[in-house]
């Protein structure tokens, strides 16, 4: 019996996150009310509050899902690039840009995320996902002697900032992916 309740709770949570994600992506956090979310999910407000402390906590779950998807795309692309660490870095960075051409992801992750959660909470979530992989890749390049010894944190923040800015731009200019990638690739190659 307990297993059924656990599964039902997980299903309700997934349903709420899915409904909220659709609404947040299309209209933005500020234009979506809890009544709309629970109606779209087909649950009661009580069920929502059983899962989340409120709209912000629900948004945090949606944002976490989006950031995890982008990070998974980065890791998958890097692994598919073979054993060359530079090829892995380039593939991961390109995958980040490709994932960022989705306006729904950009709205949730880069527009509403910092505004809703505040810069510090948003930064912590970003650092736990895609940014963490960027740091690991750069540290690996330094350790192998393929990148000049240097503090990795400043470089990772500069590259991450450039990619986040490109992602914001690409959301409105998805046809500019190739020119954006060409410039980012040149920046990466200049580090070599």
C-alpha atoms as a PDB file:
ATOM      1  CA  UNK A   1       0.000   0.000   0.000  1.00  0.00           C
ATOM      2  CA  UNK A   2       2.815   2.419   0.858  1.00  0.00           C
ATOM      3  CA  UNK A   3       4.414   1.752  -2.533  1.00  0.00           C
ATOM      4  CA  UNK A   4       1.203   2.772  -4.283  1.00  0.00           C
ATOM      5  CA  UNK A   5       1.099   6.060  -2.342  1.00  0.00           C
ATOM      6  CA  UNK A   6       4.725   6.782  -3.140  1.00  0.00           C
ATOM      7  CA  UNK A   7       4.107   6.182  -6.838  1.00  0.00           C
ATOM      8  CA  UNK A   8       0.941   8.289  -6.766  1.00  0.00           C
ATOM      9  CA  UNK A   9       2.839  11.126  -5.058  1.00  0.00           C
ATOM     10  CA  UNK A  10       5.609  10.920  -7.665  1.00  0.00           C
ATOM     11  CA  UNK A  11       3.043  10.881 -10.485  1.00  0.00           C
ATOM     12  CA  UNK A  12       1.290  13.952  -9.048  1.00  0.00           C
ATOM     13  CA  UNK A  13       4.632  15.738  -8.762  1.00  0.00           C
ATOM     14  CA  UNK A  14       5.531  14.907 -12.385  1.00  0.00           C
ATOM     15  CA  UNK A  15       2.112  16.067 -13.553  1.00  0.00           C
ATOM     16  CA  UNK A  16       2.416  19.371 -11.696  1.00  0.00           C
ATOM     17  CA  UNK A  17       5.938  20.002 -12.977  1.00  0.00           C
ATOM     18  CA  UNK A  18       4.886  19.173 -16.540  1.00  0.00           C
ATOM     19  CA  UNK A  19       1.824  21.428 -16.457  1.00  0.00           C
ATOM     20  CA  UNK A  20       3.766  24.261 -14.830  1.00  0.00           C
ATOM     21  CA  UNK A  21       6.614  23.901 -17.301  1.00  0.00           C
ATOM     22  CA  UNK A  22       4.267  24.248 -20.257  1.00  0.00           C
ATOM     23  CA  UNK A  23       2.614  27.327 -18.780  1.00  0.00           C
ATOM     24  CA  UNK A  24       5.860  28.969 -17.626  1.00  0.00           C
ATOM     25  CA  UNK A  25       7.458  28.345 -21.010  1.00  0.00           C
ATOM     26  CA  UNK A  26       4.626  29.838 -23.016  1.00  0.00           C
ATOM     27  CA  UNK A  27       3.605  32.746 -20.783  1.00  0.00           C
ATOM     28  CA  UNK A  28       6.358  33.261 -18.239  1.00  0.00           C
ATOM     29  CA  UNK A  29       6.372  32.833 -14.491  1.00  0.00           C
ATOM     30  CA  UNK A  30       4.746  36.180 -13.708  1.00  0.00           C
ATOM     31  CA  UNK A  31       1.711  35.598 -15.917  1.00  0.00           C
ATOM     32  CA  UNK A  32       0.781  32.172 -14.553  1.00  0.00           C
ATOM     33  CA  UNK A  33      -1.283  31.620 -11.433  1.00  0.00           C
ATOM     34  CA  UNK A  34      -1.487  28.574  -9.211  1.00  0.00           C
ATOM     35  CA  UNK A  35      -5.159  28.077 -10.120  1.00  0.00           C
ATOM     36  CA  UNK A  36      -4.153  27.669 -13.775  1.00  0.00           C
ATOM     37  CA  UNK A  37      -1.407  25.216 -12.918  1.00  0.00           C
ATOM     38  CA  UNK A  38      -3.587  22.952 -10.815  1.00  0.00           C
ATOM     39  CA  UNK A  39      -6.367  23.106 -13.431  1.00  0.00           C
ATOM     40  CA  UNK A  40      -3.914  22.144 -16.183  1.00  0.00           C
ATOM     41  CA  UNK A  41      -2.537  19.340 -14.012  1.00  0.00           C
ATOM     42  CA  UNK A  42      -6.000  18.138 -13.022  1.00  0.00           C
ATOM     43  CA  UNK A  43      -5.217  18.247  -9.299  1.00  0.00           C
ATOM     44  CA  UNK A  44      -6.295  20.328  -6.325  1.00  0.00           C
ATOM     45  CA  UNK A  45      -4.364  23.171  -4.717  1.00  0.00           C
ATOM     46  CA  UNK A  46      -4.033  20.892  -1.709  1.00  0.00           C
ATOM     47  CA  UNK A  47      -2.187  18.370  -3.867  1.00  0.00           C
ATOM     48  CA  UNK A  48       0.122  21.119  -5.087  1.00  0.00           C
ATOM     49  CA  UNK A  49       0.859  22.271  -1.548  1.00  0.00           C
ATOM     50  CA  UNK A  50       1.450  18.676  -0.503  1.00  0.00           C
ATOM     51  CA  UNK A  51       4.263  18.587  -3.072  1.00  0.00           C
ATOM     52  CA  UNK A  52       5.584  22.162  -3.030  1.00  0.00           C
ATOM     53  CA  UNK A  53       5.674  25.125  -0.636  1.00  0.00           C
ATOM     54  CA  UNK A  54       4.222  27.330  -3.365  1.00  0.00           C
ATOM     55  CA  UNK A  55       4.688  28.630  -6.876  1.00  0.00           C
ATOM     56  CA  UNK A  56       8.361  29.499  -6.406  1.00  0.00           C
ATOM     57  CA  UNK A  57       9.210  25.986  -5.180  1.00  0.00           C
ATOM     58  CA  UNK A  58       7.333  24.527  -8.139  1.00  0.00           C
ATOM     59  CA  UNK A  59       9.247  26.837 -10.480  1.00  0.00           C
ATOM     60  CA  UNK A  60      12.528  25.708  -8.886  1.00  0.00           C
ATOM     61  CA  UNK A  61      11.598  22.100  -9.739  1.00  0.00           C
ATOM     62  CA  UNK A  62      10.785  23.084 -13.325  1.00  0.00           C
ATOM     63  CA  UNK A  63      14.041  25.016 -13.629  1.00  0.00           C
ATOM     64  CA  UNK A  64      15.986  22.070 -12.211  1.00  0.00           C
ATOM     65  CA  UNK A  65      14.446  19.795 -14.836  1.00  0.00           C
ATOM     66  CA  UNK A  66      15.366  22.208 -17.648  1.00  0.00           C
ATOM     67  CA  UNK A  67      18.932  22.688 -16.403  1.00  0.00           C
ATOM     68  CA  UNK A  68      19.363  18.930 -16.029  1.00  0.00           C
ATOM     69  CA  UNK A  69      18.210  18.398 -19.628  1.00  0.00           C
ATOM     70  CA  UNK A  70      20.710  20.929 -20.938  1.00  0.00           C
ATOM     71  CA  UNK A  71      23.502  19.406 -18.839  1.00  0.00           C
ATOM     72  CA  UNK A  72      22.571  15.926 -20.096  1.00  0.00           C
ATOM     73  CA  UNK A  73      22.772  17.176 -23.690  1.00  0.00           C
ATOM     74  CA  UNK A  74      26.227  18.628 -22.978  1.00  0.00           C
ATOM     75  CA  UNK A  75      27.490  15.390 -21.405  1.00  0.00           C
ATOM     76  CA  UNK A  76      26.021  13.215 -24.154  1.00  0.00           C
ATOM     77  CA  UNK A  77      27.640  15.321 -26.873  1.00  0.00           C
ATOM     78  CA  UNK A  78      30.995  15.399 -25.097  1.00  0.00           C
ATOM     79  CA  UNK A  79      31.010  11.620 -24.667  1.00  0.00           C
ATOM     80  CA  UNK A  80      30.088  11.114 -28.310  1.00  0.00           C
ATOM     81  CA  UNK A  81      33.084  13.213 -29.350  1.00  0.00           C
ATOM     82  CA  UNK A  82      35.512  10.420 -28.481  1.00  0.00           C
ATOM     83  CA  UNK A  83      38.644  10.574 -26.369  1.00  0.00           C
ATOM     84  CA  UNK A  84      40.027  13.946 -27.503  1.00  0.00           C
ATOM     85  CA  UNK A  85      39.455  16.409 -24.639  1.00  0.00           C
ATOM     86  CA  UNK A  86      39.354  19.425 -26.985  1.00  0.00           C
ATOM     87  CA  UNK A  87      36.766  17.727 -29.155  1.00  0.00           C
ATOM     88  CA  UNK A  88      34.785  16.923 -26.012  1.00  0.00           C
ATOM     89  CA  UNK A  89      34.898  20.551 -24.834  1.00  0.00           C
ATOM     90  CA  UNK A  90      33.868  21.849 -28.249  1.00  0.00           C
ATOM     91  CA  UNK A  91      31.067  19.288 -28.595  1.00  0.00           C
ATOM     92  CA  UNK A  92      29.720  20.059 -25.137  1.00  0.00           C
ATOM     93  CA  UNK A  93      29.757  23.809 -25.759  1.00  0.00           C
ATOM     94  CA  UNK A  94      28.028  23.374 -29.106  1.00  0.00           C
ATOM     95  CA  UNK A  95      25.402  21.137 -27.475  1.00  0.00           C
ATOM     96  CA  UNK A  96      24.755  23.883 -24.940  1.00  0.00           C
ATOM     97  CA  UNK A  97      24.114  26.365 -27.745  1.00  0.00           C
ATOM     98  CA  UNK A  98      21.892  23.925 -29.636  1.00  0.00           C
ATOM     99  CA  UNK A  99      19.856  23.203 -26.505  1.00  0.00           C
ATOM    100  CA  UNK A 100      19.565  26.940 -26.023  1.00  0.00           C
ATOM    101  CA  UNK A 101      17.853  27.577 -29.333  1.00  0.00           C
ATOM    102  CA  UNK A 102      14.670  26.379 -27.629  1.00  0.00           C
ATOM    103  CA  UNK A 103      12.907  29.601 -26.545  1.00  0.00           C
ATOM    104  CA  UNK A 104      11.004  27.738 -23.815  1.00  0.00           C
ATOM    105  CA  UNK A 105      14.231  26.623 -22.163  1.00  0.00           C
ATOM    106  CA  UNK A 106      15.709  30.105 -22.430  1.00  0.00           C
ATOM    107  CA  UNK A 107      12.624  31.720 -20.905  1.00  0.00           C
ATOM    108  CA  UNK A 108      12.651  29.333 -17.946  1.00  0.00           C
ATOM    109  CA  UNK A 109      16.397  28.961 -17.443  1.00  0.00           C
ATOM    110  CA  UNK A 110      17.861  32.324 -18.373  1.00  0.00           C
ATOM    111  CA  UNK A 111      15.065  34.883 -18.198  1.00  0.00           C
ATOM    112  CA  UNK A 112      12.744  33.804 -15.392  1.00  0.00           C
ATOM    113  CA  UNK A 113      15.276  31.717 -13.451  1.00  0.00           C
ATOM    114  CA  UNK A 114      17.450  34.575 -12.163  1.00  0.00           C
ATOM    115  CA  UNK A 115      14.445  36.890 -11.798  1.00  0.00           C
ATOM    116  CA  UNK A 116      12.321  34.439  -9.800  1.00  0.00           C
ATOM    117  CA  UNK A 117      14.951  32.775  -7.629  1.00  0.00           C
ATOM    118  CA  UNK A 118      17.458  35.601  -7.427  1.00  0.00           C
ATOM    119  CA  UNK A 119      20.939  35.586  -8.846  1.00  0.00           C
ATOM    120  CA  UNK A 120      22.574  33.576  -6.035  1.00  0.00           C
ATOM    121  CA  UNK A 121      20.093  30.673  -6.127  1.00  0.00           C
ATOM    122  CA  UNK A 122      20.054  30.624  -9.919  1.00  0.00           C
ATOM    123  CA  UNK A 123      23.863  30.646 -10.040  1.00  0.00           C
ATOM    124  CA  UNK A 124      24.026  27.738  -7.575  1.00  0.00           C
ATOM    125  CA  UNK A 125      21.684  25.651  -9.752  1.00  0.00           C
ATOM    126  CA  UNK A 126      23.617  26.547 -12.912  1.00  0.00           C
ATOM    127  CA  UNK A 127      26.928  25.685 -11.267  1.00  0.00           C
ATOM    128  CA  UNK A 128      25.555  22.289 -10.244  1.00  0.00           C
ATOM    129  CA  UNK A 129      24.645  21.444 -13.845  1.00  0.00           C
ATOM    130  CA  UNK A 130      26.185  22.750 -17.085  1.00  0.00           C
ATOM    131  CA  UNK A 131      28.750  25.018 -15.431  1.00  0.00           C
ATOM    132  CA  UNK A 132      30.080  22.079 -13.399  1.00  0.00           C
ATOM    133  CA  UNK A 133      30.757  20.165 -16.603  1.00  0.00           C
ATOM    134  CA  UNK A 134      32.531  23.154 -18.125  1.00  0.00           C
ATOM    135  CA  UNK A 135      34.777  23.464 -15.061  1.00  0.00           C
ATOM    136  CA  UNK A 136      35.557  19.736 -15.156  1.00  0.00           C
ATOM    137  CA  UNK A 137      36.445  19.906 -18.853  1.00  0.00           C
ATOM    138  CA  UNK A 138      38.740  22.890 -18.352  1.00  0.00           C
ATOM    139  CA  UNK A 139      40.409  21.301 -15.324  1.00  0.00           C
ATOM    140  CA  UNK A 140      41.012  18.168 -17.391  1.00  0.00           C
ATOM    141  CA  UNK A 141      42.626  20.211 -20.164  1.00  0.00           C
ATOM    142  CA  UNK A 142      44.928  21.949 -17.668  1.00  0.00           C
ATOM    143  CA  UNK A 143      45.819  18.634 -15.986  1.00  0.00           C
ATOM    144  CA  UNK A 144      46.756  17.102 -19.347  1.00  0.00           C
ATOM    145  CA  UNK A 145      48.861  20.118 -20.282  1.00  0.00           C
ATOM    146  CA  UNK A 146      46.555  20.968 -23.194  1.00  0.00           C
ATOM    147  CA  UNK A 147      45.637  24.300 -21.653  1.00  0.00           C
ATOM    148  CA  UNK A 148      48.213  26.572 -20.028  1.00  0.00           C
ATOM    149  CA  UNK A 149      48.174  26.337 -16.233  1.00  0.00           C
ATOM    150  CA  UNK A 150      45.751  28.916 -14.879  1.00  0.00           C
ATOM    151  CA  UNK A 151      42.946  29.327 -12.411  1.00  0.00           C
ATOM    152  CA  UNK A 152      39.984  27.621 -14.058  1.00  0.00           C
ATOM    153  CA  UNK A 153      37.177  29.456 -12.225  1.00  0.00           C
ATOM    154  CA  UNK A 154      37.576  32.833 -13.979  1.00  0.00           C
ATOM    155  CA  UNK A 155      37.819  31.197 -17.390  1.00  0.00           C
ATOM    156  CA  UNK A 156      34.794  28.982 -16.732  1.00  0.00           C
ATOM    157  CA  UNK A 157      32.727  31.978 -15.632  1.00  0.00           C
ATOM    158  CA  UNK A 158      33.757  33.998 -18.681  1.00  0.00           C
ATOM    159  CA  UNK A 159      32.953  31.163 -21.079  1.00  0.00           C
ATOM    160  CA  UNK A 160      29.721  30.318 -19.247  1.00  0.00           C
ATOM    161  CA  UNK A 161      28.649  33.954 -19.364  1.00  0.00           C
ATOM    162  CA  UNK A 162      29.409  34.147 -23.081  1.00  0.00           C
ATOM    163  CA  UNK A 163      27.400  30.998 -23.742  1.00  0.00           C
ATOM    164  CA  UNK A 164      24.462  32.154 -21.612  1.00  0.00           C
ATOM    165  CA  UNK A 165      24.417  35.477 -23.466  1.00  0.00           C
ATOM    166  CA  UNK A 166      24.576  33.650 -26.794  1.00  0.00           C
ATOM    167  CA  UNK A 167      21.703  31.437 -25.638  1.00  0.00           C
ATOM    168  CA  UNK A 168      19.560  34.477 -24.858  1.00  0.00           C
ATOM    169  CA  UNK A 169      20.319  35.887 -28.286  1.00  0.00           C
ATOM    170  CA  UNK A 170      19.748  32.573 -30.075  1.00  0.00           C
ATOM    171  CA  UNK A 171      16.285  32.275 -28.547  1.00  0.00           C
ATOM    172  CA  UNK A 172      15.288  35.226 -30.742  1.00  0.00           C
ATOM    173  CA  UNK A 173      17.661  34.388 -33.593  1.00  0.00           C
ATOM    174  CA  UNK A 174      17.645  30.568 -33.897  1.00  0.00           C
ATOM    175  CA  UNK A 175      18.914  30.798 -37.482  1.00  0.00           C
ATOM    176  CA  UNK A 176      22.115  32.366 -36.138  1.00  0.00           C
ATOM    177  CA  UNK A 177      23.289  29.147 -34.492  1.00  0.00           C
ATOM    178  CA  UNK A 178      26.073  28.507 -36.981  1.00  0.00           C
ATOM    179  CA  UNK A 179      27.566  32.021 -36.829  1.00  0.00           C
ATOM    180  CA  UNK A 180      27.344  31.939 -33.028  1.00  0.00           C
ATOM    181  CA  UNK A 181      29.038  28.539 -32.959  1.00  0.00           C
ATOM    182  CA  UNK A 182      31.768  29.727 -35.332  1.00  0.00           C
ATOM    183  CA  UNK A 183      32.631  32.589 -32.978  1.00  0.00           C
ATOM    184  CA  UNK A 184      32.481  30.453 -29.838  1.00  0.00           C
ATOM    185  CA  UNK A 185      34.648  27.781 -31.473  1.00  0.00           C
ATOM    186  CA  UNK A 186      37.200  30.461 -32.389  1.00  0.00           C
ATOM    187  CA  UNK A 187      37.226  31.641 -28.755  1.00  0.00           C
ATOM    188  CA  UNK A 188      37.773  28.092 -27.539  1.00  0.00           C
ATOM    189  CA  UNK A 189      40.480  27.371 -30.093  1.00  0.00           C
ATOM    190  CA  UNK A 190      42.309  30.564 -29.120  1.00  0.00           C
ATOM    191  CA  UNK A 191      42.783  29.091 -25.646  1.00  0.00           C
ATOM    192  CA  UNK A 192      44.627  26.081 -27.002  1.00  0.00           C
END
